[in-house]
Amino acid sequence: MTTACRTPLEFQATSAQGRWYIPVPWDLADNLQEKLSRRGLRSTLCLNPKDRQARLELWPDVSPDEALTALTGTVPIPAL
């Protein structure tokens, strides 16, 4: 019997041209967007099928820290 082991996902919010986005795994993108939505954190799912890359672009009223906390279940540590 084998046991599957999952490593915790790490997310990082990035800002570009005044917008915040969070790169997410391609195969989990829909579920992660729904996870944010259930917490009232709106985002737009951006997909690049050629490279199988996905990201969640946060709406202007959504705090990146709140989104990261919702995705990871932990409080992000601010960069020094």
PDB file of N, CA and C in Angstrom:
ATOM      1  N   MET A   1       0.845  -1.177   0.000  1.00  0.00           N
ATOM      2  CA  MET A   1       0.000   0.000   0.000  1.00  0.00           C
ATOM      3  C   MET A   1       0.893   1.242   0.000  1.00  0.00           C
ATOM      4  N   THR A   2       0.626   2.136  -0.905  1.00  0.00           N
ATOM      5  CA  THR A   2       1.386   3.384  -0.941  1.00  0.00           C
ATOM      6  C   THR A   2       0.521   4.525  -0.433  1.00  0.00           C
ATOM      7  N   THR A   3       1.177   5.495   0.127  1.00  0.00           N
ATOM      8  CA  THR A   3       0.487   6.664   0.651  1.00  0.00           C
ATOM      9  C   THR A   3       0.908   7.880  -0.148  1.00  0.00           C
ATOM     10  N   ALA A   4      -0.069   8.602  -0.632  1.00  0.00           N
ATOM     11  CA  ALA A   4       0.231   9.835  -1.364  1.00  0.00           C
ATOM     12  C   ALA A   4       0.560  10.929  -0.364  1.00  0.00           C
ATOM     13  N   CYS A   5       1.554  11.678  -0.686  1.00  0.00           N
ATOM     14  CA  CYS A   5       1.971  12.768   0.191  1.00  0.00           C
ATOM     15  C   CYS A   5       1.898  14.067  -0.596  1.00  0.00           C
ATOM     16  N   ARG A   6       1.215  15.040  -0.058  1.00  0.00           N
ATOM     17  CA  ARG A   6       1.111  16.331  -0.723  1.00  0.00           C
ATOM     18  C   ARG A   6       1.924  17.361   0.031  1.00  0.00           C
ATOM     19  N   THR A   7       2.635  18.153  -0.717  1.00  0.00           N
ATOM     20  CA  THR A   7       3.347  19.255  -0.096  1.00  0.00           C
ATOM     21  C   THR A   7       2.422  20.462  -0.098  1.00  0.00           C
ATOM     22  N   PRO A   8       2.518  21.326   0.901  1.00  0.00           N
ATOM     23  CA  PRO A   8       1.657  22.505   0.924  1.00  0.00           C
ATOM     24  C   PRO A   8       1.974  23.419  -0.257  1.00  0.00           C
ATOM     25  N   LEU A   9       0.929  23.984  -0.822  1.00  0.00           N
ATOM     26  CA  LEU A   9       1.120  24.922  -1.922  1.00  0.00           C
ATOM     27  C   LEU A   9       1.540  26.272  -1.369  1.00  0.00           C
ATOM     28  N   GLU A  10       2.457  26.896  -2.044  1.00  0.00           N
ATOM     29  CA  GLU A  10       2.885  28.241  -1.666  1.00  0.00           C
ATOM     30  C   GLU A  10       2.458  29.190  -2.766  1.00  0.00           C
ATOM     31  N   PHE A  11       1.881  30.302  -2.357  1.00  0.00           N
ATOM     32  CA  PHE A  11       1.403  31.295  -3.309  1.00  0.00           C
ATOM     33  C   PHE A  11       2.101  32.616  -3.040  1.00  0.00           C
ATOM     34  N   GLN A  12       2.238  33.396  -4.090  1.00  0.00           N
ATOM     35  CA  GLN A  12       2.851  34.712  -3.959  1.00  0.00           C
ATOM     36  C   GLN A  12       2.086  35.677  -4.840  1.00  0.00           C
ATOM     37  N   ALA A  13       1.668  36.790  -4.249  1.00  0.00           N
ATOM     38  CA  ALA A  13       0.974  37.824  -5.016  1.00  0.00           C
ATOM     39  C   ALA A  13       2.007  38.725  -5.676  1.00  0.00           C
ATOM     40  N   THR A  14       1.721  39.083  -6.915  1.00  0.00           N
ATOM     41  CA  THR A  14       2.604  39.940  -7.694  1.00  0.00           C
ATOM     42  C   THR A  14       1.790  41.092  -8.248  1.00  0.00           C
ATOM     43  N   SER A  15       2.406  42.258  -8.290  1.00  0.00           N
ATOM     44  CA  SER A  15       1.723  43.435  -8.827  1.00  0.00           C
ATOM     45  C   SER A  15       2.354  43.824 -10.156  1.00  0.00           C
ATOM     46  N   ALA A  16       1.497  44.111 -11.135  1.00  0.00           N
ATOM     47  CA  ALA A  16       1.958  44.579 -12.433  1.00  0.00           C
ATOM     48  C   ALA A  16       0.942  45.588 -12.953  1.00  0.00           C
ATOM     49  N   GLN A  17       1.407  46.761 -13.290  1.00  0.00           N
ATOM     50  CA  GLN A  17       0.571  47.825 -13.827  1.00  0.00           C
ATOM     51  C   GLN A  17      -0.645  48.108 -12.944  1.00  0.00           C
ATOM     52  N   GLY A  18      -0.429  48.122 -11.638  1.00  0.00           N
ATOM     53  CA  GLY A  18      -1.482  48.459 -10.695  1.00  0.00           C
ATOM     54  C   GLY A  18      -2.467  47.347 -10.388  1.00  0.00           C
ATOM     55  N   ARG A  19      -2.243  46.164 -10.903  1.00  0.00           N
ATOM     56  CA  ARG A  19      -3.134  45.024 -10.642  1.00  0.00           C
ATOM     57  C   ARG A  19      -2.363  43.938  -9.901  1.00  0.00           C
ATOM     58  N   TRP A  20      -3.076  43.242  -9.024  1.00  0.00           N
ATOM     59  CA  TRP A  20      -2.471  42.145  -8.268  1.00  0.00           C
ATOM     60  C   TRP A  20      -2.929  40.823  -8.859  1.00  0.00           C
ATOM     61  N   TYR A  21      -2.007  39.886  -8.975  1.00  0.00           N
ATOM     62  CA  TYR A  21      -2.377  38.554  -9.417  1.00  0.00           C
ATOM     63  C   TYR A  21      -1.570  37.510  -8.660  1.00  0.00           C
ATOM     64  N   ILE A  22      -2.105  36.296  -8.652  1.00  0.00           N
ATOM     65  CA  ILE A  22      -1.478  35.181  -7.954  1.00  0.00           C
ATOM     66  C   ILE A  22      -1.367  34.014  -8.936  1.00  0.00           C
ATOM     67  N   PRO A  23      -0.153  33.635  -9.331  1.00  0.00           N
ATOM     68  CA  PRO A  23       0.001  32.435 -10.166  1.00  0.00           C
ATOM     69  C   PRO A  23      -0.446  31.196  -9.380  1.00  0.00           C
ATOM     70  N   VAL A  24      -1.187  30.323 -10.042  1.00  0.00           N
ATOM     71  CA  VAL A  24      -1.712  29.113  -9.396  1.00  0.00           C
ATOM     72  C   VAL A  24      -1.471  27.915 -10.305  1.00  0.00           C
ATOM     73  N   PRO A  25      -1.469  26.702  -9.747  1.00  0.00           N
ATOM     74  CA  PRO A  25      -1.314  25.510 -10.576  1.00  0.00           C
ATOM     75  C   PRO A  25      -2.473  25.378 -11.569  1.00  0.00           C
ATOM     76  N   TRP A  26      -2.146  25.028 -12.799  1.00  0.00           N
ATOM     77  CA  TRP A  26      -3.124  24.905 -13.879  1.00  0.00           C
ATOM     78  C   TRP A  26      -4.305  24.008 -13.477  1.00  0.00           C
ATOM     79  N   ASP A  27      -3.997  22.838 -12.931  1.00  0.00           N
ATOM     80  CA  ASP A  27      -5.043  21.857 -12.639  1.00  0.00           C
ATOM     81  C   ASP A  27      -5.888  22.202 -11.413  1.00  0.00           C
ATOM     82  N   LEU A  28      -5.496  23.202 -10.634  1.00  0.00           N
ATOM     83  CA  LEU A  28      -6.255  23.609  -9.456  1.00  0.00           C
ATOM     84  C   LEU A  28      -6.892  24.989  -9.604  1.00  0.00           C
ATOM     85  N   ALA A  29      -6.692  25.618 -10.740  1.00  0.00           N
ATOM     86  CA  ALA A  29      -7.089  27.015 -10.912  1.00  0.00           C
ATOM     87  C   ALA A  29      -8.571  27.257 -10.637  1.00  0.00           C
ATOM     88  N   ASP A  30      -9.456  26.433 -11.211  1.00  0.00           N
ATOM     89  CA  ASP A  30     -10.896  26.615 -10.993  1.00  0.00           C
ATOM     90  C   ASP A  30     -11.263  26.479  -9.517  1.00  0.00           C
ATOM     91  N   ASN A  31     -10.711  25.465  -8.870  1.00  0.00           N
ATOM     92  CA  ASN A  31     -11.021  25.231  -7.454  1.00  0.00           C
ATOM     93  C   ASN A  31     -10.521  26.378  -6.576  1.00  0.00           C
ATOM     94  N   LEU A  32      -9.334  26.894  -6.893  1.00  0.00           N
ATOM     95  CA  LEU A  32      -8.786  27.982  -6.084  1.00  0.00           C
ATOM     96  C   LEU A  32      -9.574  29.280  -6.283  1.00  0.00           C
ATOM     97  N   GLN A  33     -10.029  29.528  -7.507  1.00  0.00           N
ATOM     98  CA  GLN A  33     -10.865  30.706  -7.725  1.00  0.00           C
ATOM     99  C   GLN A  33     -12.173  30.569  -6.947  1.00  0.00           C
ATOM    100  N   GLU A  34     -12.753  29.382  -6.933  1.00  0.00           N
ATOM    101  CA  GLU A  34     -13.986  29.143  -6.181  1.00  0.00           C
ATOM    102  C   GLU A  34     -13.740  29.322  -4.679  1.00  0.00           C
ATOM    103  N   LYS A  35     -12.591  28.896  -4.216  1.00  0.00           N
ATOM    104  CA  LYS A  35     -12.242  29.046  -2.798  1.00  0.00           C
ATOM    105  C   LYS A  35     -12.226  30.525  -2.402  1.00  0.00           C
ATOM    106  N   LEU A  36     -11.639  31.366  -3.255  1.00  0.00           N
ATOM    107  CA  LEU A  36     -11.652  32.809  -2.993  1.00  0.00           C
ATOM    108  C   LEU A  36     -13.071  33.351  -3.056  1.00  0.00           C
ATOM    109  N   SER A  37     -13.823  32.923  -4.047  1.00  0.00           N
ATOM    110  CA  SER A  37     -15.189  33.415  -4.232  1.00  0.00           C
ATOM    111  C   SER A  37     -16.070  33.105  -3.018  1.00  0.00           C
ATOM    112  N   ARG A  38     -15.926  31.921  -2.457  1.00  0.00           N
ATOM    113  CA  ARG A  38     -16.717  31.551  -1.269  1.00  0.00           C
ATOM    114  C   ARG A  38     -16.436  32.477  -0.089  1.00  0.00           C
ATOM    115  N   ARG A  39     -15.286  33.112  -0.091  1.00  0.00           N
ATOM    116  CA  ARG A  39     -14.919  34.040   0.980  1.00  0.00           C
ATOM    117  C   ARG A  39     -15.182  35.499   0.590  1.00  0.00           C
ATOM    118  N   GLY A  40     -15.859  35.692  -0.530  1.00  0.00           N
ATOM    119  CA  GLY A  40     -16.195  37.041  -0.973  1.00  0.00           C
ATOM    120  C   GLY A  40     -15.041  37.782  -1.620  1.00  0.00           C
ATOM    121  N   LEU A  41     -14.000  37.063  -2.009  1.00  0.00           N
ATOM    122  CA  LEU A  41     -12.823  37.659  -2.635  1.00  0.00           C
ATOM    123  C   LEU A  41     -12.896  37.399  -4.140  1.00  0.00           C
ATOM    124  N   ARG A  42     -13.224  38.418  -4.893  1.00  0.00           N
ATOM    125  CA  ARG A  42     -13.442  38.258  -6.332  1.00  0.00           C
ATOM    126  C   ARG A  42     -12.127  38.275  -7.104  1.00  0.00           C
ATOM    127  N   SER A  43     -12.093  37.443  -8.138  1.00  0.00           N
ATOM    128  CA  SER A  43     -10.911  37.368  -8.998  1.00  0.00           C
ATOM    129  C   SER A  43     -11.342  36.936 -10.392  1.00  0.00           C
ATOM    130  N   THR A  44     -10.460  37.175 -11.342  1.00  0.00           N
ATOM    131  CA  THR A  44     -10.662  36.724 -12.710  1.00  0.00           C
ATOM    132  C   THR A  44      -9.615  35.660 -13.000  1.00  0.00           C
ATOM    133  N   LEU A  45     -10.061  34.541 -13.522  1.00  0.00           N
ATOM    134  CA  LEU A  45      -9.145  33.454 -13.853  1.00  0.00           C
ATOM    135  C   LEU A  45      -8.562  33.706 -15.238  1.00  0.00           C
ATOM    136  N   CYS A  46      -7.242  33.805 -15.310  1.00  0.00           N
ATOM    137  CA  CYS A  46      -6.534  34.030 -16.571  1.00  0.00           C
ATOM    138  C   CYS A  46      -5.759  32.761 -16.911  1.00  0.00           C
ATOM    139  N   LEU A  47      -6.050  32.209 -18.090  1.00  0.00           N
ATOM    140  CA  LEU A  47      -5.422  30.956 -18.501  1.00  0.00           C
ATOM    141  C   LEU A  47      -4.580  31.151 -19.758  1.00  0.00           C
ATOM    142  N   ASN A  48      -3.426  30.493 -19.781  1.00  0.00           N
ATOM    143  CA  ASN A  48      -2.585  30.451 -20.957  1.00  0.00           C
ATOM    144  C   ASN A  48      -2.469  28.980 -21.342  1.00  0.00           C
ATOM    145  N   PRO A  49      -3.361  28.501 -22.230  1.00  0.00           N
ATOM    146  CA  PRO A  49      -3.380  27.073 -22.542  1.00  0.00           C
ATOM    147  C   PRO A  49      -2.119  26.571 -23.239  1.00  0.00           C
ATOM    148  N   LYS A  50      -1.464  27.438 -23.982  1.00  0.00           N
ATOM    149  CA  LYS A  50      -0.248  27.014 -24.688  1.00  0.00           C
ATOM    150  C   LYS A  50       0.821  26.529 -23.705  1.00  0.00           C
ATOM    151  N   ASP A  51       1.011  27.288 -22.623  1.00  0.00           N
ATOM    152  CA  ASP A  51       2.026  26.949 -21.626  1.00  0.00           C
ATOM    153  C   ASP A  51       1.441  26.305 -20.373  1.00  0.00           C
ATOM    154  N   ARG A  52       0.113  26.107 -20.368  1.00  0.00           N
ATOM    155  CA  ARG A  52      -0.592  25.550 -19.199  1.00  0.00           C
ATOM    156  C   ARG A  52      -0.259  26.343 -17.934  1.00  0.00           C
ATOM    157  N   GLN A  53      -0.346  27.652 -18.056  1.00  0.00           N
ATOM    158  CA  GLN A  53      -0.137  28.540 -16.923  1.00  0.00           C
ATOM    159  C   GLN A  53      -1.465  29.182 -16.548  1.00  0.00           C
ATOM    160  N   ALA A  54      -1.649  29.396 -15.258  1.00  0.00           N
ATOM    161  CA  ALA A  54      -2.880  30.009 -14.769  1.00  0.00           C
ATOM    162  C   ALA A  54      -2.538  31.022 -13.687  1.00  0.00           C
ATOM    163  N   ARG A  55      -3.388  32.033 -13.591  1.00  0.00           N
ATOM    164  CA  ARG A  55      -3.237  33.008 -12.513  1.00  0.00           C
ATOM    165  C   ARG A  55      -4.607  33.565 -12.175  1.00  0.00           C
ATOM    166  N   LEU A  56      -4.733  34.025 -10.946  1.00  0.00           N
ATOM    167  CA  LEU A  56      -5.944  34.690 -10.497  1.00  0.00           C
ATOM    168  C   LEU A  56      -5.636  36.171 -10.408  1.00  0.00           C
ATOM    169  N   GLU A  57      -6.340  36.964 -11.195  1.00  0.00           N
ATOM    170  CA  GLU A  57      -6.168  38.412 -11.123  1.00  0.00           C
ATOM    171  C   GLU A  57      -7.204  38.941 -10.144  1.00  0.00           C
ATOM    172  N   LEU A  58      -6.716  39.564  -9.086  1.00  0.00           N
ATOM    173  CA  LEU A  58      -7.606  40.048  -8.033  1.00  0.00           C
ATOM    174  C   LEU A  58      -8.321  41.318  -8.468  1.00  0.00           C
ATOM    175  N   TRP A  59      -9.584  41.427  -8.111  1.00  0.00           N
ATOM    176  CA  TRP A  59     -10.340  42.634  -8.419  1.00  0.00           C
ATOM    177  C   TRP A  59      -9.789  43.770  -7.562  1.00  0.00           C
ATOM    178  N   PRO A  60      -9.971  45.025  -7.975  1.00  0.00           N
ATOM    179  CA  PRO A  60      -9.363  46.162  -7.276  1.00  0.00           C
ATOM    180  C   PRO A  60      -9.690  46.265  -5.784  1.00  0.00           C
ATOM    181  N   ASP A  61     -10.855  45.787  -5.365  1.00  0.00           N
ATOM    182  CA  ASP A  61     -11.238  45.902  -3.955  1.00  0.00           C
ATOM    183  C   ASP A  61     -10.765  44.730  -3.098  1.00  0.00           C
ATOM    184  N   VAL A  62      -9.998  43.803  -3.678  1.00  0.00           N
ATOM    185  CA  VAL A  62      -9.535  42.616  -2.951  1.00  0.00           C
ATOM    186  C   VAL A  62      -8.092  42.815  -2.494  1.00  0.00           C
ATOM    187  N   SER A  63      -7.877  42.627  -1.207  1.00  0.00           N
ATOM    188  CA  SER A  63      -6.539  42.740  -0.628  1.00  0.00           C
ATOM    189  C   SER A  63      -5.716  41.496  -0.972  1.00  0.00           C
ATOM    190  N   PRO A  64      -4.496  41.690  -1.484  1.00  0.00           N
ATOM    191  CA  PRO A  64      -3.639  40.523  -1.763  1.00  0.00           C
ATOM    192  C   PRO A  64      -3.376  39.682  -0.516  1.00  0.00           C
ATOM    193  N   ASP A  65      -3.200  40.332   0.624  1.00  0.00           N
ATOM    194  CA  ASP A  65      -2.952  39.585   1.863  1.00  0.00           C
ATOM    195  C   ASP A  65      -4.149  38.716   2.234  1.00  0.00           C
ATOM    196  N   GLU A  66      -5.373  39.245   2.066  1.00  0.00           N
ATOM    197  CA  GLU A  66      -6.568  38.453   2.364  1.00  0.00           C
ATOM    198  C   GLU A  66      -6.672  37.256   1.418  1.00  0.00           C
ATOM    199  N   ALA A  67      -6.362  37.481   0.147  1.00  0.00           N
ATOM    200  CA  ALA A  67      -6.431  36.392  -0.825  1.00  0.00           C
ATOM    201  C   ALA A  67      -5.407  35.308  -0.498  1.00  0.00           C
ATOM    202  N   LEU A  68      -4.197  35.699  -0.164  1.00  0.00           N
ATOM    203  CA  LEU A  68      -3.168  34.720   0.191  1.00  0.00           C
ATOM    204  C   LEU A  68      -3.558  33.941   1.438  1.00  0.00           C
ATOM    205  N   THR A  69      -4.119  34.634   2.414  1.00  0.00           N
ATOM    206  CA  THR A  69      -4.562  33.968   3.635  1.00  0.00           C
ATOM    207  C   THR A  69      -5.663  32.960   3.322  1.00  0.00           C
ATOM    208  N   ALA A  70      -6.590  33.336   2.454  1.00  0.00           N
ATOM    209  CA  ALA A  70      -7.680  32.431   2.081  1.00  0.00           C
ATOM    210  C   ALA A  70      -7.153  31.198   1.343  1.00  0.00           C
ATOM    211  N   LEU A  71      -6.167  31.374   0.499  1.00  0.00           N
ATOM    212  CA  LEU A  71      -5.633  30.255  -0.273  1.00  0.00           C
ATOM    213  C   LEU A  71      -4.781  29.315   0.566  1.00  0.00           C
ATOM    214  N   THR A  72      -4.008  29.861   1.484  1.00  0.00           N
ATOM    215  CA  THR A  72      -3.066  29.028   2.246  1.00  0.00           C
ATOM    216  C   THR A  72      -3.562  28.676   3.638  1.00  0.00           C
ATOM    217  N   GLY A  73      -4.478  29.463   4.160  1.00  0.00           N
ATOM    218  CA  GLY A  73      -4.941  29.238   5.512  1.00  0.00           C
ATOM    219  C   GLY A  73      -3.983  29.767   6.557  1.00  0.00           C
ATOM    220  N   THR A  74      -2.956  30.514   6.130  1.00  0.00           N
ATOM    221  CA  THR A  74      -1.999  31.089   7.052  1.00  0.00           C
ATOM    222  C   THR A  74      -1.861  32.584   6.780  1.00  0.00           C
ATOM    223  N   VAL A  75      -1.346  33.293   7.736  1.00  0.00           N
ATOM    224  CA  VAL A  75      -1.140  34.717   7.585  1.00  0.00           C
ATOM    225  C   VAL A  75       0.206  34.949   6.908  1.00  0.00           C
ATOM    226  N   PRO A  76       0.233  35.702   5.783  1.00  0.00           N
ATOM    227  CA  PRO A  76       1.507  35.925   5.094  1.00  0.00           C
ATOM    228  C   PRO A  76       2.450  36.796   5.923  1.00  0.00           C
ATOM    229  N   ILE A  77       3.733  36.532   5.807  1.00  0.00           N
ATOM    230  CA  ILE A  77       4.753  37.311   6.502  1.00  0.00           C
ATOM    231  C   ILE A  77       5.206  38.425   5.569  1.00  0.00           C
ATOM    232  N   PRO A  78       5.111  39.681   6.009  1.00  0.00           N
ATOM    233  CA  PRO A  78       5.513  40.773   5.129  1.00  0.00           C
ATOM    234  C   PRO A  78       6.995  40.726   4.819  1.00  0.00           C
ATOM    235  N   ALA A  79       7.350  41.130   3.607  1.00  0.00           N
ATOM    236  CA  ALA A  79       8.758  41.188   3.205  1.00  0.00           C
ATOM    237  C   ALA A  79       9.441  42.360   3.900  1.00  0.00           C
ATOM    238  N   LEU A  80      10.689  42.184   4.227  1.00  0.00           N
ATOM    239  CA  LEU A  80      11.450  43.258   4.887  1.00  0.00           C
ATOM    240  C   LEU A  80      12.128  44.121   3.868  1.00  0.00           C
TER     241      LEU A  80
END
